[in-house]
Protein backbone atom coordinates (compact mmCIF):
# COMPACT_ATOMS: atom_id res chain seq x y z
CA MET A 1 0.02 0.00 0.02
CA TRP A 2 1.40 3.38 -1.02
CA ARG A 3 0.28 6.66 0.44
CA GLY A 4 0.99 9.79 -1.69
CA ARG A 5 1.26 13.42 -0.77
CA PHE A 6 -2.55 13.77 -0.75
CA GLY A 7 -2.82 11.18 2.07
CA VAL A 8 -4.76 8.77 -0.12
CA ALA A 9 -3.78 5.11 0.00
CA TRP A 10 -3.24 3.34 -3.34
CA PRO A 11 -3.25 -0.50 -3.44
CA ASN A 12 -0.08 -1.87 -5.07
CA ILE A 13 -1.77 -3.70 -7.91
CA GLY A 14 0.47 -4.57 -10.84
CA VAL A 15 3.55 -2.97 -9.14
CA SER A 16 6.87 -4.61 -8.89
CA SER A 17 8.28 -3.73 -5.45
CA ALA A 18 11.77 -4.50 -6.59
CA HIS A 19 11.64 -1.64 -9.09
CA GLU A 20 9.42 0.76 -7.16
CA PRO A 21 11.11 4.04 -6.30
CA ARG A 22 11.14 4.66 -2.57
CA GLY A 23 8.06 6.66 -1.46
CA ARG A 24 6.41 6.55 -4.84
CA ARG A 25 4.12 4.03 -6.52
CA VAL A 26 4.55 3.23 -10.24
CA VAL A 27 1.13 2.54 -11.80
CA THR A 28 1.27 0.33 -14.91
CA LYS A 29 -2.44 0.26 -15.71
CA PRO A 30 -4.15 3.28 -14.01
CA GLU A 31 -7.85 3.44 -13.83
CA LEU A 32 -9.10 6.85 -15.07
CA THR A 33 -11.34 7.50 -12.08
CA ASP A 34 -12.73 10.90 -11.19
CA ASP A 35 -10.51 10.90 -8.11
CA ILE A 36 -7.34 10.60 -10.29
CA LYS A 37 -8.66 13.23 -12.73
CA THR A 38 -9.39 15.56 -9.90
CA ARG A 39 -5.89 15.19 -8.49
CA ALA A 40 -4.18 15.74 -11.81
CA ALA A 41 -6.43 18.71 -12.58
CA TRP A 42 -5.70 20.29 -9.18
CA LEU A 43 -1.98 19.92 -9.56
CA TYR A 44 -1.96 21.34 -13.07
CA TYR A 45 -4.44 24.20 -12.76
CA MET A 46 -4.19 25.14 -9.07
CA GLU A 47 -0.62 24.29 -8.18
CA ASP A 48 0.91 25.11 -11.57
CA MET A 49 2.82 21.83 -11.83
CA THR A 50 3.96 20.74 -15.26
CA GLN A 51 2.66 17.63 -16.82
CA ASP A 52 6.02 15.93 -16.26
CA GLN A 53 5.93 16.86 -12.60
CA ILE A 54 2.35 15.51 -12.18
CA ALA A 55 3.35 12.28 -13.96
CA ALA A 56 6.24 11.77 -11.50
CA GLU A 57 4.07 12.66 -8.50
CA LEU A 58 1.21 10.34 -9.36
CA GLY A 59 3.34 7.56 -10.91
CA LEU A 60 1.78 8.01 -14.39
CA THR A 61 3.17 8.57 -17.81
CA ARG A 62 3.07 12.08 -19.30
CA VAL A 63 0.69 10.82 -21.98
CA ARG A 64 -1.72 9.47 -19.31
CA VAL A 65 -1.58 12.85 -17.53
CA LEU A 66 -2.45 14.63 -20.80
CA LYS A 67 -5.44 12.37 -21.32
CA LEU A 68 -6.59 12.91 -17.74
CA LEU A 69 -6.44 16.70 -18.12
CA LEU A 70 -8.30 16.52 -21.43
CA ALA A 71 -10.99 14.26 -19.86
CA ALA A 72 -11.34 16.70 -16.95
CA ARG A 73 -12.00 19.54 -19.35
CA GLN A 74 -14.46 17.58 -21.53
CA SER A 75 -16.50 16.31 -18.53
CA GLY A 76 -16.90 19.75 -17.11
CA MET A 77 -14.86 18.86 -14.04
CA VAL A 78 -12.57 21.74 -14.98
CA GLN A 79 -14.21 24.92 -16.24
CA ILE A 80 -12.17 27.82 -17.47
CA ARG A 81 -13.72 31.29 -17.68
CA VAL A 82 -12.16 34.33 -19.26
CA THR A 83 -13.34 37.16 -17.04
CA ALA A 84 -12.00 40.07 -19.22
CA ARG A 85 -14.69 41.48 -21.51
CA LEU A 86 -14.06 42.73 -25.09
CA SER A 87 -15.29 46.29 -25.30
CA HIS A 88 -17.03 45.73 -28.60
CA CYS A 89 -19.03 42.85 -27.14
CA VAL A 90 -20.07 44.97 -24.17
CA GLU A 91 -21.15 47.83 -26.43
CA LEU A 92 -23.27 45.41 -28.47
CA GLU A 93 -24.81 43.99 -25.29
CA ARG A 94 -25.92 47.39 -24.02
CA ALA A 95 -27.14 48.49 -27.46
CA ILE A 96 -29.27 45.33 -28.00
CA GLU A 97 -30.74 45.61 -24.53
CA LYS A 98 -31.87 49.13 -25.32
CA LYS A 99 -33.07 48.48 -28.87
CA TRP A 100 -34.76 45.08 -28.31
CA GLY A 101 -35.93 45.45 -24.79
CA VAL A 102 -33.95 42.43 -23.47
CA GLU A 103 -33.04 42.67 -19.82
CA ARG A 104 -29.72 40.97 -20.21
CA VAL A 105 -27.61 40.24 -23.33
CA ILE A 106 -24.41 38.23 -23.30
CA VAL A 107 -22.36 38.44 -26.48
CA ILE A 108 -19.36 36.16 -26.98
CA PRO A 109 -16.57 37.10 -29.43
CA LYS A 110 -16.84 35.62 -32.88
CA PRO A 111 -14.78 32.42 -32.88
CA LEU A 112 -11.90 32.05 -35.36
CA ASP A 113 -13.43 28.69 -36.20
CA THR A 114 -17.11 29.49 -36.75
CA ALA A 115 -17.96 25.78 -36.48
CA LYS A 116 -17.38 26.15 -32.74
CA THR A 117 -20.00 28.89 -32.32
CA SER A 118 -22.78 26.67 -30.98
CA ALA A 119 -20.44 24.88 -28.53
CA LEU A 120 -19.06 28.14 -27.16
CA ILE A 121 -22.49 29.67 -26.76
CA GLY A 122 -23.57 26.50 -25.05
CA VAL A 123 -20.74 26.70 -22.53
CA THR A 124 -21.61 30.34 -21.75
CA LEU A 125 -25.25 29.26 -21.39
CA GLY A 126 -24.31 26.49 -18.95
CA ALA A 127 -22.35 28.87 -16.75
CA TYR A 128 -25.35 31.28 -16.73
CA ILE A 129 -27.81 28.54 -15.84
CA ALA A 130 -25.54 27.25 -13.00
CA ASP A 131 -25.76 30.75 -11.41
CA GLN A 132 -29.54 30.91 -11.70
CA LEU A 133 -30.56 27.47 -10.32
CA THR A 134 -32.48 27.53 -7.05
CA ASP A 135 -34.54 24.92 -5.16
CA ASN A 136 -38.03 23.97 -6.43
CA MET A 137 -37.66 25.53 -9.88
CA THR A 138 -39.60 24.32 -12.89
CA ILE A 139 -37.41 24.54 -16.00
CA GLY A 140 -38.57 24.09 -19.59
CA LEU A 141 -36.08 22.90 -22.24
CA GLY A 142 -35.89 23.12 -25.94
CA TRP A 143 -33.27 21.19 -27.83
CA GLY A 144 -30.38 21.30 -30.31
CA GLU A 145 -26.57 21.43 -30.52
CA THR A 146 -26.27 24.71 -28.66
CA LEU A 147 -28.36 23.68 -25.67
CA SER A 148 -26.70 20.21 -25.42
CA ALA A 149 -23.33 22.00 -25.18
CA CYS A 150 -24.33 23.58 -21.94
CA LEU A 151 -24.29 20.29 -19.96
CA PRO A 152 -20.58 20.15 -18.97
CA ALA A 153 -20.65 23.74 -17.76
CA LEU A 154 -23.53 23.15 -15.31
CA GLY A 155 -21.12 21.64 -12.79
CA ALA A 156 -22.74 19.88 -9.92
CA PRO A 157 -25.17 22.38 -8.41
CA SER A 158 -26.66 21.60 -5.00
CA VAL A 159 -30.41 22.11 -5.55
CA THR A 160 -33.46 20.15 -4.56
CA GLY A 161 -37.03 19.91 -5.84
CA VAL A 162 -36.21 20.99 -9.37
CA LYS A 163 -38.49 19.81 -12.19
CA ILE A 164 -37.39 19.57 -15.81
CA VAL A 165 -40.01 19.79 -18.63
CA SER A 166 -39.22 18.90 -22.19
CA LEU A 167 -41.13 21.30 -24.36
CA LEU A 168 -41.47 19.13 -27.47
CA GLY A 169 -41.58 15.52 -28.57
CA GLY A 170 -38.63 13.30 -29.35
CA LEU A 171 -36.97 11.42 -32.13
CA SER A 172 -37.39 7.72 -32.87
CA LYS A 173 -33.74 7.68 -33.93
CA VAL A 174 -31.51 8.43 -30.95
CA SER A 175 -29.00 11.22 -31.40
CA ALA A 176 -27.00 13.59 -29.27
CA TYR A 177 -29.56 16.31 -29.86
CA ASN A 178 -32.75 14.26 -29.20
CA PRO A 179 -35.05 16.53 -27.17
CA SER A 180 -35.99 13.71 -24.72
CA GLU A 181 -32.38 12.63 -24.33
CA PHE A 182 -31.23 16.23 -23.64
CA ALA A 183 -33.94 16.83 -21.07
CA TRP A 184 -33.16 13.59 -19.28
CA ARG A 185 -29.41 14.27 -19.27
CA PHE A 186 -29.98 17.76 -17.96
CA ALA A 187 -32.19 16.47 -15.17
CA ASP A 188 -29.70 13.77 -14.26
CA LYS A 189 -26.91 16.29 -14.12
CA ILE A 190 -28.71 18.40 -11.45
CA GLY A 191 -30.65 15.64 -9.72
CA ALA A 192 -34.08 16.77 -10.89
CA GLU A 193 -37.38 15.11 -11.89
CA CYS A 194 -38.01 15.01 -15.59
CA TYR A 195 -41.21 15.24 -17.52
CA LEU A 196 -41.10 14.14 -21.17
CA MET A 197 -43.47 14.34 -24.16
CA ALA A 198 -43.53 10.68 -25.06
CA ALA A 199 -44.40 11.26 -28.71
CA PRO A 200 -42.59 12.02 -31.99
CA ILE A 201 -41.77 15.63 -32.84
CA PHE A 202 -43.99 15.43 -36.00
CA ALA A 203 -47.17 13.44 -36.09
CA PRO A 204 -48.16 11.86 -39.43
CA THR A 205 -51.37 13.91 -39.63
CA LYS A 206 -52.99 16.77 -37.81
CA ALA A 207 -55.71 14.45 -36.52
CA ILE A 208 -53.14 12.15 -34.97
CA ARG A 209 -51.29 15.18 -33.54
CA ASP A 210 -54.51 16.42 -31.93
CA GLY A 211 -55.20 13.01 -30.46
CA LEU A 212 -51.72 12.74 -29.00
CA MET A 213 -51.94 16.18 -27.49
CA ASP A 214 -55.04 15.06 -25.62
CA HIS A 215 -53.14 12.21 -23.96
CA PRO A 216 -53.12 12.70 -20.16
CA GLY A 217 -49.32 12.36 -20.00
CA ILE A 218 -48.72 15.01 -22.62
CA GLN A 219 -51.43 17.23 -21.16
CA GLU A 220 -49.55 17.07 -17.81
CA VAL A 221 -46.39 18.27 -19.48
CA CYS A 222 -48.22 21.13 -21.15
CA GLN A 223 -49.82 22.06 -17.82
CA ARG A 224 -46.46 22.13 -16.10
CA ALA A 225 -45.17 24.35 -18.97
CA GLU A 226 -47.77 26.92 -17.93
CA HIS A 227 -45.80 27.58 -14.75
CA LEU A 228 -42.15 27.71 -15.88
CA ASP A 229 -39.62 29.63 -13.77
CA LEU A 230 -37.00 29.28 -16.46
CA ALA A 231 -37.31 28.39 -20.16
CA ILE A 232 -34.18 27.55 -22.04
CA VAL A 233 -34.57 27.72 -25.81
CA SER A 234 -32.62 27.90 -29.08
CA VAL A 235 -33.73 28.69 -32.61
CA GLY A 236 -33.05 26.35 -35.46
CA HIS A 237 -32.10 27.24 -39.03
CA LEU A 238 -33.19 25.70 -42.27
CA GLY A 239 -29.92 25.80 -44.28
CA PRO A 240 -27.41 23.10 -45.01
CA GLY A 241 -26.00 21.62 -41.79
CA SER A 242 -29.13 22.28 -39.77
CA THR A 243 -30.16 19.76 -37.10
CA LEU A 244 -33.40 19.05 -38.92
CA SER A 245 -31.53 18.21 -42.08
CA GLY A 246 -28.54 16.53 -40.53
CA PHE A 247 -30.63 13.95 -38.71
CA GLU A 248 -33.02 13.52 -41.56
CA ILE A 249 -35.99 14.70 -39.59
CA LEU A 250 -37.12 16.51 -42.68
CA ASP A 251 -35.70 16.11 -46.17
CA ARG A 252 -34.20 18.90 -48.28
CA PRO A 253 -37.25 19.43 -50.49
CA SER A 254 -39.45 19.82 -47.46
CA LEU A 255 -37.12 22.36 -45.89
CA ASP A 256 -36.96 24.28 -49.16
CA ALA A 257 -40.74 24.38 -49.34
CA ILE A 258 -40.94 25.67 -45.77
CA GLN A 259 -38.41 28.41 -46.55
CA HIS A 260 -40.41 29.29 -49.64
CA ALA A 261 -43.47 29.67 -47.37
CA GLY A 262 -41.56 32.38 -45.46
CA ALA A 263 -39.87 30.53 -42.64
CA VAL A 264 -36.62 31.95 -41.28
CA GLY A 265 -36.20 29.45 -38.50
CA ASP A 266 -37.96 27.18 -35.97
CA LEU A 267 -38.87 27.24 -32.30
CA PHE A 268 -39.56 23.71 -30.99
CA CYS A 269 -39.76 22.58 -34.70
CA ARG A 270 -42.58 25.08 -35.25
CA PHE A 271 -41.56 27.26 -38.15
CA ILE A 272 -41.79 31.03 -37.85
CA ASP A 273 -41.46 33.94 -40.22
CA ALA A 274 -39.40 37.08 -39.84
CA GLU A 275 -41.94 38.62 -37.53
CA GLY A 276 -42.00 35.57 -35.23
CA GLN A 277 -45.34 34.30 -36.40
CA PRO A 278 -45.89 30.63 -37.20
CA ILE A 279 -45.99 30.22 -41.00
CA ASP A 280 -49.10 28.92 -42.73
CA HIS A 281 -47.90 25.46 -43.65
CA PRO A 282 -49.37 21.97 -43.00
CA ILE A 283 -46.25 20.80 -41.17
CA ASN A 284 -46.88 23.32 -38.38
CA GLU A 285 -50.17 21.60 -37.77
CA ARG A 286 -48.33 18.31 -37.09
CA VAL A 287 -45.88 19.56 -34.43
CA ILE A 288 -46.05 18.04 -31.02
CA ALA A 289 -44.79 20.80 -28.74
CA VAL A 290 -46.00 23.36 -26.28
CA ASP A 291 -47.39 26.62 -27.63
CA ASN A 292 -44.87 29.39 -28.01
CA THR A 293 -47.00 31.61 -25.76
CA LEU A 294 -46.37 29.31 -22.78
CA VAL A 295 -42.63 29.83 -23.20
CA ARG A 296 -43.11 33.57 -23.69
CA ASN A 297 -45.00 33.68 -20.38
CA ALA A 298 -42.25 31.96 -18.34
CA ARG A 299 -40.78 33.99 -15.48
CA CYS A 300 -37.48 34.06 -17.38
CA THR A 301 -36.94 32.91 -20.94
CA VAL A 302 -33.32 32.48 -22.12
CA LEU A 303 -32.67 32.41 -25.86
CA ALA A 304 -29.25 31.05 -26.72
CA SER A 305 -28.27 30.90 -30.39
CA GLY A 306 -25.63 32.25 -32.71
CA GLY A 307 -23.90 31.98 -36.03
CA LYS A 308 -24.52 33.74 -39.32
CA GLN A 309 -27.03 31.12 -40.52
CA LYS A 310 -29.22 31.76 -37.49
CA ALA A 311 -29.14 35.62 -37.53
CA SER A 312 -32.61 36.13 -39.05
CA GLY A 313 -34.04 33.28 -36.88
CA VAL A 314 -32.71 34.86 -33.70
CA ALA A 315 -34.32 38.21 -34.63
CA ALA A 316 -37.61 36.42 -35.23
CA ALA A 317 -37.36 34.48 -31.99
CA LEU A 318 -36.82 37.71 -30.11
CA LYS A 319 -40.09 39.00 -31.51
CA ALA A 320 -41.93 35.73 -30.79
CA LEU A 321 -40.79 35.12 -27.28
CA SER A 322 -39.60 38.44 -25.80
CA PRO A 323 -36.90 36.66 -23.79
CA LYS A 324 -35.37 38.28 -20.73
CA VAL A 325 -31.95 36.89 -21.59
CA LEU A 326 -30.17 36.56 -24.94
CA ILE A 327 -26.87 34.70 -25.25
CA THR A 328 -25.35 35.00 -28.76
CA ASP A 329 -22.18 35.89 -30.69
CA GLU A 330 -20.82 39.01 -32.33
CA THR A 331 -22.06 38.11 -35.76
CA VAL A 332 -25.69 37.83 -34.72
CA ALA A 333 -25.37 40.86 -32.36
CA GLU A 334 -24.21 43.02 -35.27
CA TYR A 335 -27.07 41.74 -37.42
CA LEU A 336 -29.58 42.68 -34.72
CA MET A 337 -28.28 46.19 -34.51
CA ALA A 338 -28.35 46.59 -38.30
CA SER A 339 -31.90 45.13 -38.75
CA ALA A 340 -35.12 47.07 -38.56
CA SER A 341 -36.69 47.98 -35.25
CA PRO A 342 -38.43 44.94 -33.62
CA VAL A 343 -42.15 44.46 -33.85
CA SER A 344 -43.36 42.38 -30.88
CA VAL A 345 -45.79 39.54 -31.48
CA ALA A 346 -48.99 39.97 -29.43
């Protein structure tokens, strides 16, 4: 049994005592446990030790230490925040708050790699949510790549009595951005109860959709959505690379037809025009999701979306939902300031 500088005993499994340095255990097949990750991360980020020093201290190879540190970042165990604010982002935040009537706007710098926009907004969203969580909240969740990226940044909040409500149906084909999967993972992360719409996002017909919405289980979800303390939403886009297209929820001809009908984006897979109004299209009659007005009436609605392809959709979502908080990037922020004055949806 070896006891390191942290006072934790390590069993000498797979260690040759004849070749073991005095006072130090050499691990040949380390288990990547949270405990080891935590120790490696603490030494690296808090005590400024090098990776070579950590490897020597913990009896690991430098490659193993590198993997531990990477795993700690990816799991959310280690969260790095840049506290300095870019003046241009701050200027945009204040200007949007004034022009669009949003209580709080958070603008992140435009990433050099624009493919990381959703992930970076998601991390910022997660940090914001972590600061807002309190006991006995009811939280409504949308879905998508941006929202899913918030999970590692939530940390491990100490809250009780929280209820999570998924605001739309799910996918029959499991993916990283399945609404039901996201809501469940979010609830599991913070130890909350979870209420799901156990139905597909799109029903085959309006009649079937109406029948499913009358189901007691789905009615309960909608009733809980009438009393949201916090609603977390993102807007989808219709162009190439969209979630709807990428997961083959809708084919390209259908998306093209929806755009031709005036759609600039979607909220909970309900397609809206530039003024935030649902478009007149049969597919909107088949959506299994809460009404946009329930989200608009939440105590606090947070809209988190960014990227050039979502700019017009974010503007429309602002009109549709009147969120209290907007988290976006410089590209969308500049678009919002250049666009016409908002017209709120009644």
